[in-house]
Amino acid sequence: MTTTCEHVAELGADPAPTTPEGCEDCLAAGGRWVHLRLCLSCGKVACCDSSPAKHASKHFADEGHPIIRSFEPGETWRWCFVDDTVV
């Protein structure tokens, strides 16, 4: 089930991924990830909360960018951190 939130209206086209090959921070630190997420504000590719470093959540905490989408092949869902819901 998806819900709408005020942050969806602020989105434009999906930004180009900064590191299409994987989590930007894990790649820099030699870490590993489980699933990837794309920040829809800036294009940062970060790892999910099932990954050891949870970089997507850390990116939200640091930058306040509200919506991510799955960066996994075949997945199109989006998540709003602020509203804690699928959008």
N, C-alpha and C. Protein backbone atom coordinates (compact mmCIF):
# COMPACT_ATOMS: atom_id res chain seq x y z
N MET A 1 0.84 -1.18 0.00
CA MET A 1 0.00 0.00 0.00
C MET A 1 0.88 1.24 0.00
N THR A 2 0.55 2.21 -0.80
CA THR A 2 1.30 3.46 -0.82
C THR A 2 0.43 4.59 -0.31
N THR A 3 1.09 5.58 0.21
CA THR A 3 0.45 6.75 0.77
C THR A 3 1.08 7.98 0.12
N THR A 4 0.38 9.08 0.14
CA THR A 4 1.00 10.31 -0.34
C THR A 4 1.52 11.10 0.85
N CYS A 5 2.49 11.92 0.58
CA CYS A 5 3.02 12.82 1.60
C CYS A 5 3.43 14.10 0.90
N GLU A 6 3.59 15.16 1.65
CA GLU A 6 3.91 16.46 1.07
C GLU A 6 5.26 16.46 0.36
N HIS A 7 6.15 15.55 0.73
CA HIS A 7 7.49 15.52 0.15
C HIS A 7 7.51 15.02 -1.29
N VAL A 8 6.52 14.22 -1.66
CA VAL A 8 6.44 13.71 -3.03
C VAL A 8 6.29 14.85 -4.02
N ALA A 9 5.55 15.87 -3.65
CA ALA A 9 5.32 17.02 -4.54
C ALA A 9 6.62 17.78 -4.82
N GLU A 10 7.61 17.63 -3.96
CA GLU A 10 8.89 18.32 -4.12
C GLU A 10 9.84 17.60 -5.07
N LEU A 11 9.50 16.37 -5.45
CA LEU A 11 10.39 15.57 -6.30
C LEU A 11 10.31 16.00 -7.75
N GLY A 12 11.45 15.96 -8.41
CA GLY A 12 11.50 16.12 -9.85
C GLY A 12 11.79 14.76 -10.45
N ALA A 13 12.49 14.76 -11.56
CA ALA A 13 12.93 13.50 -12.16
C ALA A 13 13.97 12.86 -11.24
N ASP A 14 14.05 11.54 -11.29
CA ASP A 14 15.07 10.86 -10.48
C ASP A 14 16.45 11.39 -10.84
N PRO A 15 17.25 11.75 -9.85
CA PRO A 15 18.61 12.23 -10.13
C PRO A 15 19.50 11.07 -10.59
N ALA A 16 20.56 11.41 -11.28
CA ALA A 16 21.53 10.39 -11.70
C ALA A 16 22.22 9.83 -10.45
N PRO A 17 22.39 8.51 -10.37
CA PRO A 17 23.07 7.93 -9.21
C PRO A 17 24.55 8.32 -9.18
N THR A 18 25.01 8.69 -8.00
CA THR A 18 26.41 9.11 -7.85
C THR A 18 27.37 7.95 -8.04
N THR A 19 27.01 6.78 -7.56
CA THR A 19 27.86 5.60 -7.70
C THR A 19 26.98 4.41 -8.09
N PRO A 20 26.68 4.25 -9.36
CA PRO A 20 25.79 3.17 -9.78
C PRO A 20 26.31 1.78 -9.46
N GLU A 21 27.60 1.67 -9.16
CA GLU A 21 28.18 0.37 -8.86
C GLU A 21 27.97 -0.09 -7.42
N GLY A 22 27.45 0.78 -6.55
CA GLY A 22 27.19 0.37 -5.17
C GLY A 22 27.10 1.53 -4.22
N CYS A 23 27.01 1.21 -2.94
CA CYS A 23 26.91 2.22 -1.88
C CYS A 23 28.16 3.09 -1.87
N GLU A 24 27.96 4.37 -2.02
CA GLU A 24 29.08 5.32 -2.09
C GLU A 24 29.99 5.21 -0.86
N ASP A 25 29.40 5.18 0.32
CA ASP A 25 30.20 5.15 1.55
C ASP A 25 30.86 3.80 1.78
N CYS A 26 30.14 2.71 1.47
CA CYS A 26 30.74 1.38 1.62
C CYS A 26 31.90 1.19 0.64
N LEU A 27 31.73 1.68 -0.59
CA LEU A 27 32.81 1.58 -1.56
C LEU A 27 34.05 2.32 -1.06
N ALA A 28 33.86 3.50 -0.48
CA ALA A 28 34.98 4.30 0.01
C ALA A 28 35.67 3.65 1.20
N ALA A 29 34.88 2.96 2.05
CA ALA A 29 35.43 2.37 3.28
C ALA A 29 35.77 0.89 3.15
N GLY A 30 35.46 0.30 2.01
CA GLY A 30 35.69 -1.13 1.85
C GLY A 30 34.65 -1.97 2.56
N GLY A 31 33.47 -1.40 2.78
CA GLY A 31 32.39 -2.11 3.48
C GLY A 31 31.55 -2.93 2.52
N ARG A 32 30.47 -3.51 3.06
CA ARG A 32 29.56 -4.31 2.24
C ARG A 32 28.13 -3.88 2.51
N TRP A 33 27.25 -4.21 1.60
CA TRP A 33 25.85 -3.85 1.74
C TRP A 33 24.97 -5.04 1.39
N VAL A 34 23.69 -4.93 1.80
CA VAL A 34 22.70 -5.95 1.49
C VAL A 34 21.85 -5.49 0.31
N HIS A 35 21.24 -4.31 0.43
CA HIS A 35 20.42 -3.73 -0.63
C HIS A 35 20.79 -2.26 -0.78
N LEU A 36 20.51 -1.71 -1.94
CA LEU A 36 20.87 -0.33 -2.22
C LEU A 36 19.63 0.55 -2.33
N ARG A 37 19.81 1.81 -1.97
CA ARG A 37 18.76 2.83 -2.04
C ARG A 37 19.32 4.05 -2.76
N LEU A 38 18.43 4.78 -3.45
CA LEU A 38 18.82 5.99 -4.16
C LEU A 38 18.12 7.18 -3.52
N CYS A 39 18.86 8.18 -3.09
CA CYS A 39 18.27 9.40 -2.56
C CYS A 39 17.67 10.17 -3.72
N LEU A 40 16.39 10.49 -3.63
CA LEU A 40 15.71 11.18 -4.72
C LEU A 40 15.90 12.70 -4.68
N SER A 41 16.64 13.18 -3.69
CA SER A 41 17.00 14.60 -3.66
C SER A 41 18.32 14.86 -4.35
N CYS A 42 19.32 13.98 -4.11
CA CYS A 42 20.66 14.27 -4.62
C CYS A 42 21.30 13.15 -5.44
N GLY A 43 20.72 11.96 -5.46
CA GLY A 43 21.28 10.87 -6.23
C GLY A 43 22.29 10.01 -5.51
N LYS A 44 22.49 10.26 -4.23
CA LYS A 44 23.44 9.42 -3.48
C LYS A 44 22.91 7.98 -3.43
N VAL A 45 23.79 7.04 -3.71
CA VAL A 45 23.47 5.62 -3.58
C VAL A 45 24.01 5.18 -2.22
N ALA A 46 23.12 4.60 -1.41
CA ALA A 46 23.49 4.22 -0.05
C ALA A 46 22.86 2.87 0.30
N CYS A 47 23.37 2.25 1.33
CA CYS A 47 22.89 0.92 1.71
C CYS A 47 21.71 1.00 2.68
N CYS A 48 20.93 -0.08 2.70
CA CYS A 48 19.70 -0.15 3.48
C CYS A 48 19.97 -0.42 4.97
N ASP A 49 18.91 -0.43 5.76
CA ASP A 49 19.04 -0.68 7.20
C ASP A 49 19.35 -2.13 7.53
N SER A 50 19.25 -3.04 6.57
CA SER A 50 19.68 -4.42 6.80
C SER A 50 21.19 -4.56 6.59
N SER A 51 21.82 -3.55 6.05
CA SER A 51 23.26 -3.54 5.83
C SER A 51 23.95 -3.10 7.11
N PRO A 52 25.20 -3.54 7.31
CA PRO A 52 25.89 -3.20 8.56
C PRO A 52 25.98 -1.70 8.87
N ALA A 53 26.22 -0.87 7.85
CA ALA A 53 26.45 0.56 8.11
C ALA A 53 25.21 1.43 8.00
N LYS A 54 24.14 0.96 7.39
CA LYS A 54 22.87 1.71 7.29
C LYS A 54 23.07 3.13 6.75
N HIS A 55 23.81 3.24 5.65
CA HIS A 55 24.15 4.56 5.13
C HIS A 55 22.96 5.37 4.62
N ALA A 56 21.91 4.74 4.11
CA ALA A 56 20.76 5.52 3.63
C ALA A 56 20.10 6.27 4.79
N SER A 57 19.92 5.60 5.92
CA SER A 57 19.34 6.27 7.10
C SER A 57 20.27 7.35 7.63
N LYS A 58 21.57 7.09 7.61
CA LYS A 58 22.53 8.09 8.07
C LYS A 58 22.51 9.31 7.16
N HIS A 59 22.35 9.08 5.85
CA HIS A 59 22.27 10.19 4.90
C HIS A 59 21.04 11.05 5.21
N PHE A 60 19.91 10.41 5.48
CA PHE A 60 18.72 11.18 5.86
C PHE A 60 18.99 11.98 7.14
N ALA A 61 19.57 11.36 8.14
CA ALA A 61 19.85 12.05 9.41
C ALA A 61 20.78 13.24 9.21
N ASP A 62 21.78 13.08 8.35
CA ASP A 62 22.76 14.15 8.11
C ASP A 62 22.24 15.25 7.19
N GLU A 63 21.53 14.86 6.14
CA GLU A 63 21.15 15.81 5.09
C GLU A 63 19.68 16.21 5.11
N GLY A 64 18.83 15.38 5.71
CA GLY A 64 17.40 15.69 5.75
C GLY A 64 16.67 15.43 4.45
N HIS A 65 17.30 14.73 3.52
CA HIS A 65 16.63 14.41 2.26
C HIS A 65 15.59 13.34 2.54
N PRO A 66 14.30 13.64 2.30
CA PRO A 66 13.24 12.80 2.84
C PRO A 66 12.94 11.48 2.12
N ILE A 67 13.11 11.43 0.78
CA ILE A 67 12.62 10.25 0.06
C ILE A 67 13.74 9.51 -0.65
N ILE A 68 13.72 8.19 -0.49
CA ILE A 68 14.61 7.30 -1.22
C ILE A 68 13.76 6.36 -2.05
N ARG A 69 14.39 5.72 -3.01
CA ARG A 69 13.73 4.62 -3.71
C ARG A 69 14.69 3.45 -3.73
N SER A 70 14.12 2.29 -3.94
CA SER A 70 14.97 1.11 -4.06
C SER A 70 15.87 1.28 -5.27
N PHE A 71 17.10 0.88 -5.13
CA PHE A 71 18.05 0.90 -6.25
C PHE A 71 18.38 -0.54 -6.65
N GLU A 72 17.43 -1.43 -6.36
CA GLU A 72 17.56 -2.83 -6.73
C GLU A 72 16.85 -3.07 -8.07
N PRO A 73 17.43 -3.93 -8.92
CA PRO A 73 16.79 -4.21 -10.21
C PRO A 73 15.35 -4.70 -10.04
N GLY A 74 14.44 -4.13 -10.82
CA GLY A 74 13.05 -4.55 -10.81
C GLY A 74 12.21 -3.98 -9.69
N GLU A 75 12.78 -3.22 -8.78
CA GLU A 75 12.02 -2.62 -7.68
C GLU A 75 11.84 -1.13 -7.92
N THR A 76 10.63 -0.62 -7.66
CA THR A 76 10.34 0.80 -7.91
C THR A 76 9.76 1.52 -6.70
N TRP A 77 9.66 0.85 -5.54
CA TRP A 77 9.03 1.50 -4.39
C TRP A 77 9.88 2.65 -3.87
N ARG A 78 9.19 3.58 -3.22
CA ARG A 78 9.84 4.75 -2.61
C ARG A 78 9.44 4.82 -1.15
N TRP A 79 10.31 5.38 -0.32
CA TRP A 79 10.08 5.49 1.11
C TRP A 79 10.35 6.91 1.57
N CYS A 80 9.44 7.46 2.37
CA CYS A 80 9.64 8.77 2.98
C CYS A 80 10.06 8.57 4.42
N PHE A 81 11.27 9.01 4.76
CA PHE A 81 11.77 8.90 6.13
C PHE A 81 10.95 9.77 7.08
N VAL A 82 10.59 10.96 6.63
CA VAL A 82 9.87 11.90 7.49
C VAL A 82 8.51 11.34 7.90
N ASP A 83 7.76 10.85 6.91
CA ASP A 83 6.42 10.33 7.17
C ASP A 83 6.40 8.84 7.51
N ASP A 84 7.57 8.20 7.45
CA ASP A 84 7.71 6.79 7.83
C ASP A 84 6.71 5.91 7.07
N THR A 85 6.71 6.10 5.71
CA THR A 85 5.73 5.38 4.90
C THR A 85 6.23 5.18 3.46
N VAL A 86 5.66 4.19 2.80
CA VAL A 86 5.89 3.99 1.38
C VAL A 86 5.07 5.03 0.63
N VAL A 87 5.66 5.67 -0.35
CA VAL A 87 4.95 6.71 -1.11
C VAL A 87 5.00 6.41 -2.60
